[in-house]
Amino acid sequence: MVQVMLHADELAWMVDEKYLNEGPTWQFNLIRQGEQSRWMLQRYRYDIPSGTLNFTGEYSIDDEAFALVRQHGVKIDTRHL
């Protein structure tokens, strides 16, 4: 699912995800580079019954936060997209 919206060889990390019974929905946050090459935290919500992925916002993160993401986030393998 997540790999569908990423580009081949793009750097991206999953930093938070949770399943919610209402809906039901799956919420997750990614760190990836935005259009201006800044590292962005992007929020998404996937509505499971309808199969709809919704972008719910983003904000830039600083270098210190990005260093923590690289240490503790789950890197998404985009090598073979």
Protein backbone atom coordinates (compact mmCIF):
# COMPACT_ATOMS: atom_id res chain seq x y z
CA MET A 1 0.00 0.00 0.00
CA VAL A 2 2.57 2.59 1.10
CA GLN A 3 4.94 1.64 -1.69
CA VAL A 4 2.33 2.57 -4.31
CA MET A 5 2.74 6.26 -3.45
CA LEU A 6 6.55 6.24 -3.28
CA HIS A 7 9.08 6.48 -6.12
CA ALA A 8 11.83 3.97 -6.87
CA ASP A 9 14.91 4.62 -4.69
CA GLU A 10 13.12 7.29 -2.65
CA LEU A 11 14.17 7.50 1.00
CA ALA A 12 11.18 7.09 3.33
CA TRP A 13 10.56 5.95 6.90
CA MET A 14 7.42 4.80 8.69
CA VAL A 15 7.43 6.54 12.06
CA ASP A 16 3.99 5.79 13.45
CA GLU A 17 1.02 3.62 12.56
CA LYS A 18 -2.15 2.52 14.26
CA TYR A 19 -5.31 0.63 13.46
CA LEU A 20 -8.58 2.23 14.52
CA ASN A 21 -11.79 0.20 14.83
CA GLU A 22 -14.00 3.10 13.76
CA GLY A 23 -14.24 2.92 10.02
CA PRO A 24 -12.09 0.77 10.31
CA THR A 25 -9.07 2.83 9.34
CA TRP A 26 -5.31 2.56 9.38
CA GLN A 27 -3.43 5.78 10.21
CA PHE A 28 0.25 6.17 9.52
CA ASN A 29 2.97 8.82 9.32
CA LEU A 30 5.87 8.85 6.88
CA ILE A 31 9.05 10.86 6.72
CA ARG A 32 10.10 11.69 3.16
CA GLN A 33 11.45 14.63 1.21
CA GLY A 34 8.93 17.22 0.16
CA GLU A 35 8.87 19.24 -3.04
CA GLN A 36 11.44 21.74 -1.74
CA SER A 37 13.86 18.95 -0.61
CA ARG A 38 13.03 19.44 3.07
CA TRP A 39 12.29 16.39 5.20
CA MET A 40 8.59 16.26 5.88
CA LEU A 41 6.37 14.28 8.23
CA GLN A 42 3.33 13.34 6.15
CA ARG A 43 0.13 11.98 7.71
CA TYR A 44 -2.20 9.54 5.95
CA ARG A 45 -5.41 7.69 6.73
CA TYR A 46 -6.46 4.57 4.84
CA ASP A 47 -10.18 3.76 4.92
CA ILE A 48 -10.19 -0.03 4.77
CA PRO A 49 -13.80 -0.70 3.60
CA SER A 50 -13.61 1.77 0.70
CA GLY A 51 -9.91 1.24 -0.10
CA THR A 52 -9.39 5.03 -0.04
CA LEU A 53 -6.09 6.62 0.98
CA ASN A 54 -6.38 10.18 2.31
CA PHE A 55 -3.53 12.63 2.82
CA THR A 56 -4.23 14.48 6.08
CA GLY A 57 -1.35 16.97 6.24
CA GLU A 58 2.36 17.49 6.57
CA TYR A 59 4.98 19.59 8.30
CA SER A 60 8.74 19.95 8.00
CA ILE A 61 11.07 18.46 10.59
CA ASP A 62 14.47 19.77 11.67
CA ASP A 63 17.82 17.99 11.33
CA GLU A 64 17.75 16.72 14.91
CA ALA A 65 14.33 15.11 14.44
CA PHE A 66 15.47 13.58 11.15
CA ALA A 67 18.52 12.05 12.86
CA LEU A 68 16.17 10.36 15.35
CA VAL A 69 14.02 9.05 12.50
CA ARG A 70 17.06 7.49 10.85
CA GLN A 71 17.95 5.78 14.13
CA HIS A 72 14.50 4.60 15.22
CA GLY A 73 12.10 4.71 12.26
CA VAL A 74 11.32 1.78 9.98
CA LYS A 75 12.98 2.40 6.62
CA ILE A 76 10.77 1.49 3.67
CA ASP A 77 12.50 -0.50 0.94
CA THR A 78 11.84 1.30 -2.36
CA ARG A 79 14.68 -0.24 -4.39
CA HIS A 80 12.44 -2.40 -6.57
CA LEU A 81 9.40 -0.22 -7.18
